[in-house]
Amino acid sequence: MLRISGGKRAAVAGWTPSQWIRVAFAPAALYALQNMAALKAYQHLDSLTFNVLNQTKTLSAALCCYLVMGKRQSFMQIISLILLLLSALTMEGLVPLNYLMSQSSIDASPSQVDWNSAHWSNGVAPILLASFISGLSGALSQRNLQSSGGGRNPYLFSMELCSASILILGSSLLFSSDGKRVAEDGFWAGWVPQLWIPITTNAIGGIIVGLVTKYAGSVRKGFALIFGIFLSGVVQATLDQNHGISREQVTGGVLAGVSLW
């Protein structure tokens, strides 16, 4: 992709390993931690809830862009961020749906939320952590991509992030049970053809995210994700007909969609 874009010569001119370490290792480490938390949440949340809660990374992106780059948000963006937070609180029952509809209901009190359930400890908490890390790493990446002098080439920066992530995650295998399993059974043990679907989509998505972050910014990147929420709801309703979609999920999804729009 770097060669096809025609910017290879300019991108690699003056490139050094020390420069790569300086710009890529901190975001790569954050992205690795974010992915581990997200994988934990994947196992305990349905697709729509995961996707909507994952959009709270726009909140952390706005905060971190202000702290890292000094970028302030417009009045409409602040309203959108408030709506996004409200959507997450509604989906998790912290803001009762009847309260939003101006109806009094004792049964819908937020005090009935089970804070000790696996849904919260293994699902909601990890995805909120992943969302915050995503905002911080997005702000650092945006600073590198939009720095003075034209910033970093997005294709080169994606390659640098991937290389740093491979080193970080590969080194972690030396100290984890997964590394022992790989040493005993081999790296390809348990792989099935379907695994290439998320690998391919994440690889393509990483390149697209780099382009969007460079030319639009990490906050506007979050505002562009409304279609993903809609698609998650459609797929969940189609594939999981036993559970379907609750009123809280529909309301939260609509609020998130309006905020992203």
C-alpha atoms as a PDB file:
ATOM      1  CA  MET A   1       0.000   0.000   0.000  1.00  0.00           C
ATOM      2  CA  LEU A   2       2.868   2.378   0.752  1.00  0.00           C
ATOM      3  CA  ARG A   3       4.392   1.691  -2.654  1.00  0.00           C
ATOM      4  CA  ILE A   4       1.048   1.994  -4.458  1.00  0.00           C
ATOM      5  CA  SER A   5       0.334   5.336  -2.779  1.00  0.00           C
ATOM      6  CA  GLY A   6       3.476   6.755  -4.384  1.00  0.00           C
ATOM      7  CA  GLY A   7       4.792   8.154  -1.126  1.00  0.00           C
ATOM      8  CA  LYS A   8       7.350   5.503  -0.266  1.00  0.00           C
ATOM      9  CA  ARG A   9      10.456   7.557  -1.071  1.00  0.00           C
ATOM     10  CA  ALA A  10       9.331  10.589   0.932  1.00  0.00           C
ATOM     11  CA  ALA A  11       8.038   8.435   3.822  1.00  0.00           C
ATOM     12  CA  VAL A  12      11.243   6.474   4.417  1.00  0.00           C
ATOM     13  CA  ALA A  13      13.610   9.400   3.844  1.00  0.00           C
ATOM     14  CA  GLY A  14      15.486   9.977   7.092  1.00  0.00           C
ATOM     15  CA  TRP A  15      13.838   7.033   8.831  1.00  0.00           C
ATOM     16  CA  THR A  16      15.785   5.631  11.803  1.00  0.00           C
ATOM     17  CA  PRO A  17      15.114   2.867  14.374  1.00  0.00           C
ATOM     18  CA  SER A  18      15.267   5.397  17.202  1.00  0.00           C
ATOM     19  CA  GLN A  19      12.592   7.451  15.468  1.00  0.00           C
ATOM     20  CA  TRP A  20      10.451   4.332  15.118  1.00  0.00           C
ATOM     21  CA  ILE A  21      10.801   3.535  18.830  1.00  0.00           C
ATOM     22  CA  ARG A  22       9.958   7.117  19.803  1.00  0.00           C
ATOM     23  CA  VAL A  23       6.756   7.431  17.750  1.00  0.00           C
ATOM     24  CA  ALA A  24       5.397   3.863  17.661  1.00  0.00           C
ATOM     25  CA  PHE A  25       6.178   1.946  20.849  1.00  0.00           C
ATOM     26  CA  ALA A  26       3.971   3.890  23.277  1.00  0.00           C
ATOM     27  CA  PRO A  27       0.846   3.753  21.043  1.00  0.00           C
ATOM     28  CA  ALA A  28       1.595   0.107  20.148  1.00  0.00           C
ATOM     29  CA  ALA A  29       1.809  -0.898  23.814  1.00  0.00           C
ATOM     30  CA  LEU A  30      -1.461   0.903  24.522  1.00  0.00           C
ATOM     31  CA  TYR A  31      -3.173  -0.730  21.530  1.00  0.00           C
ATOM     32  CA  ALA A  32      -1.960  -4.171  22.694  1.00  0.00           C
ATOM     33  CA  LEU A  33      -3.427  -3.594  26.172  1.00  0.00           C
ATOM     34  CA  GLN A  34      -6.620  -2.254  24.596  1.00  0.00           C
ATOM     35  CA  ASN A  35      -7.024  -5.359  22.436  1.00  0.00           C
ATOM     36  CA  MET A  36      -6.532  -7.678  25.432  1.00  0.00           C
ATOM     37  CA  ALA A  37      -9.246  -5.843  27.379  1.00  0.00           C
ATOM     38  CA  ALA A  38     -11.558  -5.850  24.345  1.00  0.00           C
ATOM     39  CA  LEU A  39     -11.086  -9.601  23.832  1.00  0.00           C
ATOM     40  CA  LYS A  40     -12.080 -10.133  27.472  1.00  0.00           C
ATOM     41  CA  ALA A  41     -15.229  -8.066  26.955  1.00  0.00           C
ATOM     42  CA  TYR A  42     -16.099  -9.888  23.706  1.00  0.00           C
ATOM     43  CA  GLN A  43     -16.664 -13.061  25.731  1.00  0.00           C
ATOM     44  CA  HIS A  44     -19.270 -11.530  28.069  1.00  0.00           C
ATOM     45  CA  LEU A  45     -21.176  -8.929  26.021  1.00  0.00           C
ATOM     46  CA  ASP A  46     -23.520  -9.192  23.063  1.00  0.00           C
ATOM     47  CA  SER A  47     -22.438  -7.477  19.856  1.00  0.00           C
ATOM     48  CA  LEU A  48     -24.708  -4.429  20.102  1.00  0.00           C
ATOM     49  CA  THR A  49     -23.854  -3.652  23.740  1.00  0.00           C
ATOM     50  CA  PHE A  50     -20.150  -4.105  22.981  1.00  0.00           C
ATOM     51  CA  ASN A  51     -20.297  -1.800  19.972  1.00  0.00           C
ATOM     52  CA  VAL A  52     -22.192   0.980  21.742  1.00  0.00           C
ATOM     53  CA  LEU A  53     -20.029   0.878  24.899  1.00  0.00           C
ATOM     54  CA  ASN A  54     -16.959   0.780  22.681  1.00  0.00           C
ATOM     55  CA  GLN A  55     -17.974   4.152  21.239  1.00  0.00           C
ATOM     56  CA  THR A  56     -17.290   5.779  24.616  1.00  0.00           C
ATOM     57  CA  LYS A  57     -13.716   5.888  23.313  1.00  0.00           C
ATOM     58  CA  THR A  58     -14.866   9.072  21.594  1.00  0.00           C
ATOM     59  CA  LEU A  59     -15.205  10.623  25.064  1.00  0.00           C
ATOM     60  CA  SER A  60     -11.676   9.656  26.017  1.00  0.00           C
ATOM     61  CA  ALA A  61     -10.428  10.731  22.578  1.00  0.00           C
ATOM     62  CA  ALA A  62     -11.869  14.217  23.123  1.00  0.00           C
ATOM     63  CA  LEU A  63     -10.324  14.429  26.608  1.00  0.00           C
ATOM     64  CA  CYS A  64      -6.937  13.067  25.548  1.00  0.00           C
ATOM     65  CA  CYS A  65      -6.784  15.257  22.423  1.00  0.00           C
ATOM     66  CA  TYR A  66      -7.248  18.249  24.701  1.00  0.00           C
ATOM     67  CA  LEU A  67      -4.611  17.045  27.188  1.00  0.00           C
ATOM     68  CA  VAL A  68      -2.083  15.869  24.570  1.00  0.00           C
ATOM     69  CA  MET A  69      -2.646  18.368  21.753  1.00  0.00           C
ATOM     70  CA  GLY A  70      -4.627  21.193  23.366  1.00  0.00           C
ATOM     71  CA  LYS A  71      -7.533  20.697  20.937  1.00  0.00           C
ATOM     72  CA  ARG A  72     -10.888  21.934  22.209  1.00  0.00           C
ATOM     73  CA  GLN A  73     -14.255  20.582  21.076  1.00  0.00           C
ATOM     74  CA  SER A  74     -17.055  22.683  19.621  1.00  0.00           C
ATOM     75  CA  PHE A  75     -20.359  23.201  21.446  1.00  0.00           C
ATOM     76  CA  MET A  76     -22.133  20.679  19.201  1.00  0.00           C
ATOM     77  CA  GLN A  77     -19.389  18.119  19.769  1.00  0.00           C
ATOM     78  CA  ILE A  78     -19.758  18.531  23.543  1.00  0.00           C
ATOM     79  CA  ILE A  79     -23.519  17.938  23.241  1.00  0.00           C
ATOM     80  CA  SER A  80     -22.787  14.850  21.131  1.00  0.00           C
ATOM     81  CA  LEU A  81     -20.369  13.522  23.739  1.00  0.00           C
ATOM     82  CA  ILE A  82     -22.998  13.973  26.477  1.00  0.00           C
ATOM     83  CA  LEU A  83     -25.524  12.042  24.363  1.00  0.00           C
ATOM     84  CA  LEU A  84     -22.944   9.296  23.831  1.00  0.00           C
ATOM     85  CA  LEU A  85     -22.369   8.969  27.576  1.00  0.00           C
ATOM     86  CA  LEU A  86     -26.131   8.892  28.154  1.00  0.00           C
ATOM     87  CA  SER A  87     -26.498   6.075  25.621  1.00  0.00           C
ATOM     88  CA  ALA A  88     -23.973   3.925  27.501  1.00  0.00           C
ATOM     89  CA  LEU A  89     -25.650   4.615  30.864  1.00  0.00           C
ATOM     90  CA  THR A  90     -29.068   3.768  29.384  1.00  0.00           C
ATOM     91  CA  MET A  91     -27.942   0.453  27.890  1.00  0.00           C
ATOM     92  CA  GLU A  92     -26.492  -0.651  31.231  1.00  0.00           C
ATOM     93  CA  GLY A  93     -29.567   0.366  33.226  1.00  0.00           C
ATOM     94  CA  LEU A  94     -27.808   3.100  35.203  1.00  0.00           C
ATOM     95  CA  VAL A  95     -30.276   5.583  33.710  1.00  0.00           C
ATOM     96  CA  PRO A  96     -33.721   3.885  33.724  1.00  0.00           C
ATOM     97  CA  LEU A  97     -35.544   3.999  30.415  1.00  0.00           C
ATOM     98  CA  ASN A  98     -38.733   5.132  32.170  1.00  0.00           C
ATOM     99  CA  TYR A  99     -36.818   8.081  33.612  1.00  0.00           C
ATOM    100  CA  LEU A 100     -35.878   9.222  30.106  1.00  0.00           C
ATOM    101  CA  MET A 101     -39.555   8.978  29.148  1.00  0.00           C
ATOM    102  CA  SER A 102     -40.566  11.031  32.220  1.00  0.00           C
ATOM    103  CA  GLN A 103     -42.374   8.089  33.786  1.00  0.00           C
ATOM    104  CA  SER A 104     -41.994   7.213  37.450  1.00  0.00           C
ATOM    105  CA  SER A 105     -41.117   3.598  38.069  1.00  0.00           C
ATOM    106  CA  ILE A 106     -39.812   2.170  41.315  1.00  0.00           C
ATOM    107  CA  ASP A 107     -38.858  -1.104  39.646  1.00  0.00           C
ATOM    108  CA  ALA A 108     -36.513   0.666  37.238  1.00  0.00           C
ATOM    109  CA  SER A 109     -34.257   2.058  39.962  1.00  0.00           C
ATOM    110  CA  PRO A 110     -30.548   2.002  39.094  1.00  0.00           C
ATOM    111  CA  SER A 111     -29.825   0.697  42.603  1.00  0.00           C
ATOM    112  CA  GLN A 112     -30.880  -2.747  41.382  1.00  0.00           C
ATOM    113  CA  VAL A 113     -27.782  -3.032  39.178  1.00  0.00           C
ATOM    114  CA  ASP A 114     -25.658  -6.002  40.240  1.00  0.00           C
ATOM    115  CA  TRP A 115     -22.174  -4.512  40.378  1.00  0.00           C
ATOM    116  CA  ASN A 116     -20.611  -7.867  41.278  1.00  0.00           C
ATOM    117  CA  SER A 117     -21.910  -9.776  38.271  1.00  0.00           C
ATOM    118  CA  ALA A 118     -19.588 -11.194  35.617  1.00  0.00           C
ATOM    119  CA  HIS A 119     -21.363  -8.960  33.107  1.00  0.00           C
ATOM    120  CA  TRP A 120     -19.824  -5.936  34.811  1.00  0.00           C
ATOM    121  CA  SER A 121     -16.471  -7.284  35.974  1.00  0.00           C
ATOM    122  CA  ASN A 122     -15.655  -9.286  32.823  1.00  0.00           C
ATOM    123  CA  GLY A 123     -17.652  -7.350  30.225  1.00  0.00           C
ATOM    124  CA  VAL A 124     -18.455  -3.708  30.945  1.00  0.00           C
ATOM    125  CA  ALA A 125     -15.321  -2.829  32.937  1.00  0.00           C
ATOM    126  CA  PRO A 126     -12.871  -4.258  30.342  1.00  0.00           C
ATOM    127  CA  ILE A 127     -14.573  -2.545  27.393  1.00  0.00           C
ATOM    128  CA  LEU A 128     -14.652   0.806  29.211  1.00  0.00           C
ATOM    129  CA  LEU A 129     -10.951   0.369  30.008  1.00  0.00           C
ATOM    130  CA  ALA A 130     -10.284  -0.499  26.360  1.00  0.00           C
ATOM    131  CA  SER A 131     -12.249   2.570  25.266  1.00  0.00           C
ATOM    132  CA  PHE A 132     -10.236   4.892  27.492  1.00  0.00           C
ATOM    133  CA  ILE A 133      -6.942   3.413  26.273  1.00  0.00           C
ATOM    134  CA  SER A 134      -8.176   3.766  22.700  1.00  0.00           C
ATOM    135  CA  GLY A 135      -8.731   7.494  23.235  1.00  0.00           C
ATOM    136  CA  LEU A 136      -5.258   7.964  24.690  1.00  0.00           C
ATOM    137  CA  SER A 137      -3.498   5.943  21.991  1.00  0.00           C
ATOM    138  CA  GLY A 138      -5.603   7.682  19.332  1.00  0.00           C
ATOM    139  CA  ALA A 139      -4.521  11.093  20.606  1.00  0.00           C
ATOM    140  CA  LEU A 140      -0.852  10.050  20.562  1.00  0.00           C
ATOM    141  CA  SER A 141      -1.248   8.655  17.042  1.00  0.00           C
ATOM    142  CA  GLN A 142      -3.030  11.794  15.861  1.00  0.00           C
ATOM    143  CA  ARG A 143      -0.202  13.932  17.221  1.00  0.00           C
ATOM    144  CA  ASN A 144       2.336  11.885  15.263  1.00  0.00           C
ATOM    145  CA  LEU A 145       0.250  11.878  12.079  1.00  0.00           C
ATOM    146  CA  GLN A 146      -0.646  15.576  12.180  1.00  0.00           C
ATOM    147  CA  SER A 147       2.557  17.048  13.583  1.00  0.00           C
ATOM    148  CA  SER A 148       4.146  20.081  11.930  1.00  0.00           C
ATOM    149  CA  GLY A 149       5.871  19.446   8.623  1.00  0.00           C
ATOM    150  CA  GLY A 150       3.111  17.183   7.269  1.00  0.00           C
ATOM    151  CA  GLY A 151       3.266  14.530   9.958  1.00  0.00           C
ATOM    152  CA  ARG A 152       3.945  10.848   9.517  1.00  0.00           C
ATOM    153  CA  ASN A 153       2.866   8.887   6.465  1.00  0.00           C
ATOM    154  CA  PRO A 154      -0.214   6.867   7.600  1.00  0.00           C
ATOM    155  CA  TYR A 155       0.885   3.688   5.784  1.00  0.00           C
ATOM    156  CA  LEU A 156       4.381   3.856   7.270  1.00  0.00           C
ATOM    157  CA  PHE A 157       2.940   4.605  10.706  1.00  0.00           C
ATOM    158  CA  SER A 158       0.619   1.575  10.446  1.00  0.00           C
ATOM    159  CA  MET A 159       3.635  -0.599   9.582  1.00  0.00           C
ATOM    160  CA  GLU A 160       5.578   0.828  12.526  1.00  0.00           C
ATOM    161  CA  LEU A 161       2.694   0.154  14.900  1.00  0.00           C
ATOM    162  CA  CYS A 162       2.323  -3.431  13.640  1.00  0.00           C
ATOM    163  CA  SER A 163       6.060  -4.122  13.978  1.00  0.00           C
ATOM    164  CA  ALA A 164       6.159  -2.712  17.508  1.00  0.00           C
ATOM    165  CA  SER A 165       3.027  -4.672  18.459  1.00  0.00           C
ATOM    166  CA  ILE A 166       4.570  -7.916  17.191  1.00  0.00           C
ATOM    167  CA  LEU A 167       7.648  -7.338  19.351  1.00  0.00           C
ATOM    168  CA  ILE A 168       5.615  -6.422  22.436  1.00  0.00           C
ATOM    169  CA  LEU A 169       3.100  -9.263  22.165  1.00  0.00           C
ATOM    170  CA  GLY A 170       5.775 -11.760  21.094  1.00  0.00           C
ATOM    171  CA  SER A 171       7.846 -10.893  24.153  1.00  0.00           C
ATOM    172  CA  SER A 172       4.795 -11.303  26.412  1.00  0.00           C
ATOM    173  CA  LEU A 173       4.492 -14.935  25.307  1.00  0.00           C
ATOM    174  CA  LEU A 174       7.698 -15.667  27.220  1.00  0.00           C
ATOM    175  CA  PHE A 175       5.913 -14.911  30.493  1.00  0.00           C
ATOM    176  CA  SER A 176       2.358 -16.176  29.864  1.00  0.00           C
ATOM    177  CA  SER A 177       0.544 -19.507  29.815  1.00  0.00           C
ATOM    178  CA  ASP A 178      -0.289 -18.888  26.156  1.00  0.00           C
ATOM    179  CA  GLY A 179       3.421 -18.934  25.368  1.00  0.00           C
ATOM    180  CA  LYS A 180       3.790 -22.332  27.021  1.00  0.00           C
ATOM    181  CA  ARG A 181       0.825 -23.619  25.030  1.00  0.00           C
ATOM    182  CA  VAL A 182       2.356 -22.369  21.792  1.00  0.00           C
ATOM    183  CA  ALA A 183       5.679 -24.028  22.674  1.00  0.00           C
ATOM    184  CA  GLU A 184       3.949 -27.358  23.347  1.00  0.00           C
ATOM    185  CA  ASP A 185       1.312 -27.479  20.596  1.00  0.00           C
ATOM    186  CA  GLY A 186       2.790 -25.185  17.970  1.00  0.00           C
ATOM    187  CA  PHE A 187       1.777 -21.716  16.832  1.00  0.00           C
ATOM    188  CA  TRP A 188      -0.957 -22.901  14.454  1.00  0.00           C
ATOM    189  CA  ALA A 189      -2.694 -25.234  16.913  1.00  0.00           C
ATOM    190  CA  GLY A 190      -6.420 -24.512  17.118  1.00  0.00           C
ATOM    191  CA  TRP A 191      -6.491 -22.299  14.034  1.00  0.00           C
ATOM    192  CA  VAL A 192      -9.526 -22.608  11.756  1.00  0.00           C
ATOM    193  CA  PRO A 193     -10.188 -20.875   8.411  1.00  0.00           C
ATOM    194  CA  GLN A 194     -12.741 -18.539  10.042  1.00  0.00           C
ATOM    195  CA  LEU A 195      -9.959 -16.924  12.078  1.00  0.00           C
ATOM    196  CA  TRP A 196      -8.730 -15.179   8.944  1.00  0.00           C
ATOM    197  CA  ILE A 197     -11.938 -13.120   8.811  1.00  0.00           C
ATOM    198  CA  PRO A 198     -11.199 -10.941  11.894  1.00  0.00           C
ATOM    199  CA  ILE A 199      -7.489 -10.909  11.040  1.00  0.00           C
ATOM    200  CA  THR A 200      -8.178  -9.555   7.551  1.00  0.00           C
ATOM    201  CA  THR A 201     -10.849  -7.068   8.614  1.00  0.00           C
ATOM    202  CA  ASN A 202      -8.680  -5.754  11.464  1.00  0.00           C
ATOM    203  CA  ALA A 203      -5.710  -5.344   9.118  1.00  0.00           C
ATOM    204  CA  ILE A 204      -7.787  -3.406   6.579  1.00  0.00           C
ATOM    205  CA  GLY A 205      -9.459  -1.455   9.368  1.00  0.00           C
ATOM    206  CA  GLY A 206      -6.095  -0.472  10.832  1.00  0.00           C
ATOM    207  CA  ILE A 207      -5.007   1.079   7.533  1.00  0.00           C
ATOM    208  CA  ILE A 208      -8.316   2.919   7.150  1.00  0.00           C
ATOM    209  CA  VAL A 209      -8.183   4.160  10.761  1.00  0.00           C
ATOM    210  CA  GLY A 210      -4.703   5.548  10.121  1.00  0.00           C
ATOM    211  CA  LEU A 211      -5.959   7.493   7.095  1.00  0.00           C
ATOM    212  CA  VAL A 212      -9.030   8.791   8.934  1.00  0.00           C
ATOM    213  CA  THR A 213      -6.981   9.780  12.000  1.00  0.00           C
ATOM    214  CA  LYS A 214      -4.511  11.724   9.852  1.00  0.00           C
ATOM    215  CA  TYR A 215      -7.017  13.618   7.738  1.00  0.00           C
ATOM    216  CA  ALA A 216     -10.049  13.880  10.067  1.00  0.00           C
ATOM    217  CA  GLY A 217      -8.808  13.336  13.647  1.00  0.00           C
ATOM    218  CA  SER A 218      -9.612  10.724  16.285  1.00  0.00           C
ATOM    219  CA  VAL A 219     -12.773  12.493  17.531  1.00  0.00           C
ATOM    220  CA  ARG A 220     -14.356  12.764  14.066  1.00  0.00           C
ATOM    221  CA  LYS A 221     -13.332   9.137  13.543  1.00  0.00           C
ATOM    222  CA  GLY A 222     -15.690   8.237  16.383  1.00  0.00           C
ATOM    223  CA  PHE A 223     -18.474  10.324  14.879  1.00  0.00           C
ATOM    224  CA  ALA A 224     -18.230   8.208  11.708  1.00  0.00           C
ATOM    225  CA  LEU A 225     -19.080   4.880  13.388  1.00  0.00           C
ATOM    226  CA  ILE A 226     -22.877   5.105  13.382  1.00  0.00           C
ATOM    227  CA  PHE A 227     -23.177   2.493  10.617  1.00  0.00           C
ATOM    228  CA  GLY A 228     -21.287  -0.047  12.744  1.00  0.00           C
ATOM    229  CA  ILE A 229     -23.848   0.291  15.546  1.00  0.00           C
ATOM    230  CA  PHE A 230     -26.725  -0.134  13.104  1.00  0.00           C
ATOM    231  CA  LEU A 231     -25.072  -3.172  11.529  1.00  0.00           C
ATOM    232  CA  SER A 232     -24.430  -4.769  14.929  1.00  0.00           C
ATOM    233  CA  GLY A 233     -28.092  -4.407  15.839  1.00  0.00           C
ATOM    234  CA  VAL A 234     -29.254  -5.946  12.560  1.00  0.00           C
ATOM    235  CA  VAL A 235     -26.845  -8.887  12.813  1.00  0.00           C
ATOM    236  CA  GLN A 236     -27.720  -9.531  16.476  1.00  0.00           C
ATOM    237  CA  ALA A 237     -31.455  -9.468  15.779  1.00  0.00           C
ATOM    238  CA  THR A 238     -30.977 -11.836  12.829  1.00  0.00           C
ATOM    239  CA  LEU A 239     -28.611 -14.380  14.380  1.00  0.00           C
ATOM    240  CA  ASP A 240     -29.781 -14.312  18.015  1.00  0.00           C
ATOM    241  CA  GLN A 241     -33.551 -14.490  17.706  1.00  0.00           C
ATOM    242  CA  ASN A 242     -33.967 -16.030  21.184  1.00  0.00           C
ATOM    243  CA  HIS A 243     -32.792 -12.869  22.919  1.00  0.00           C
ATOM    244  CA  GLY A 244     -33.319 -10.212  20.271  1.00  0.00           C
ATOM    245  CA  ILE A 245     -32.765  -6.564  21.155  1.00  0.00           C
ATOM    246  CA  SER A 246     -34.099  -4.956  24.348  1.00  0.00           C
ATOM    247  CA  ARG A 247     -35.724  -1.523  24.605  1.00  0.00           C
ATOM    248  CA  GLU A 248     -32.661  -0.263  26.467  1.00  0.00           C
ATOM    249  CA  GLN A 249     -30.399  -1.429  23.641  1.00  0.00           C
ATOM    250  CA  VAL A 250     -32.584   0.219  20.999  1.00  0.00           C
ATOM    251  CA  THR A 251     -32.707   3.496  22.964  1.00  0.00           C
ATOM    252  CA  GLY A 252     -28.981   3.405  23.676  1.00  0.00           C
ATOM    253  CA  GLY A 253     -28.195   2.626  20.051  1.00  0.00           C
ATOM    254  CA  VAL A 254     -30.384   5.498  18.815  1.00  0.00           C
ATOM    255  CA  LEU A 255     -28.784   7.939  21.288  1.00  0.00           C
ATOM    256  CA  ALA A 256     -25.318   6.778  20.239  1.00  0.00           C
ATOM    257  CA  GLY A 257     -26.261   7.092  16.578  1.00  0.00           C
ATOM    258  CA  VAL A 258     -27.587  10.635  17.072  1.00  0.00           C
ATOM    259  CA  SER A 259     -24.458  11.629  18.983  1.00  0.00           C
ATOM    260  CA  LEU A 260     -22.138  10.214  16.332  1.00  0.00           C
ATOM    261  CA  TRP A 261     -24.150  11.955  13.609  1.00  0.00           C
END
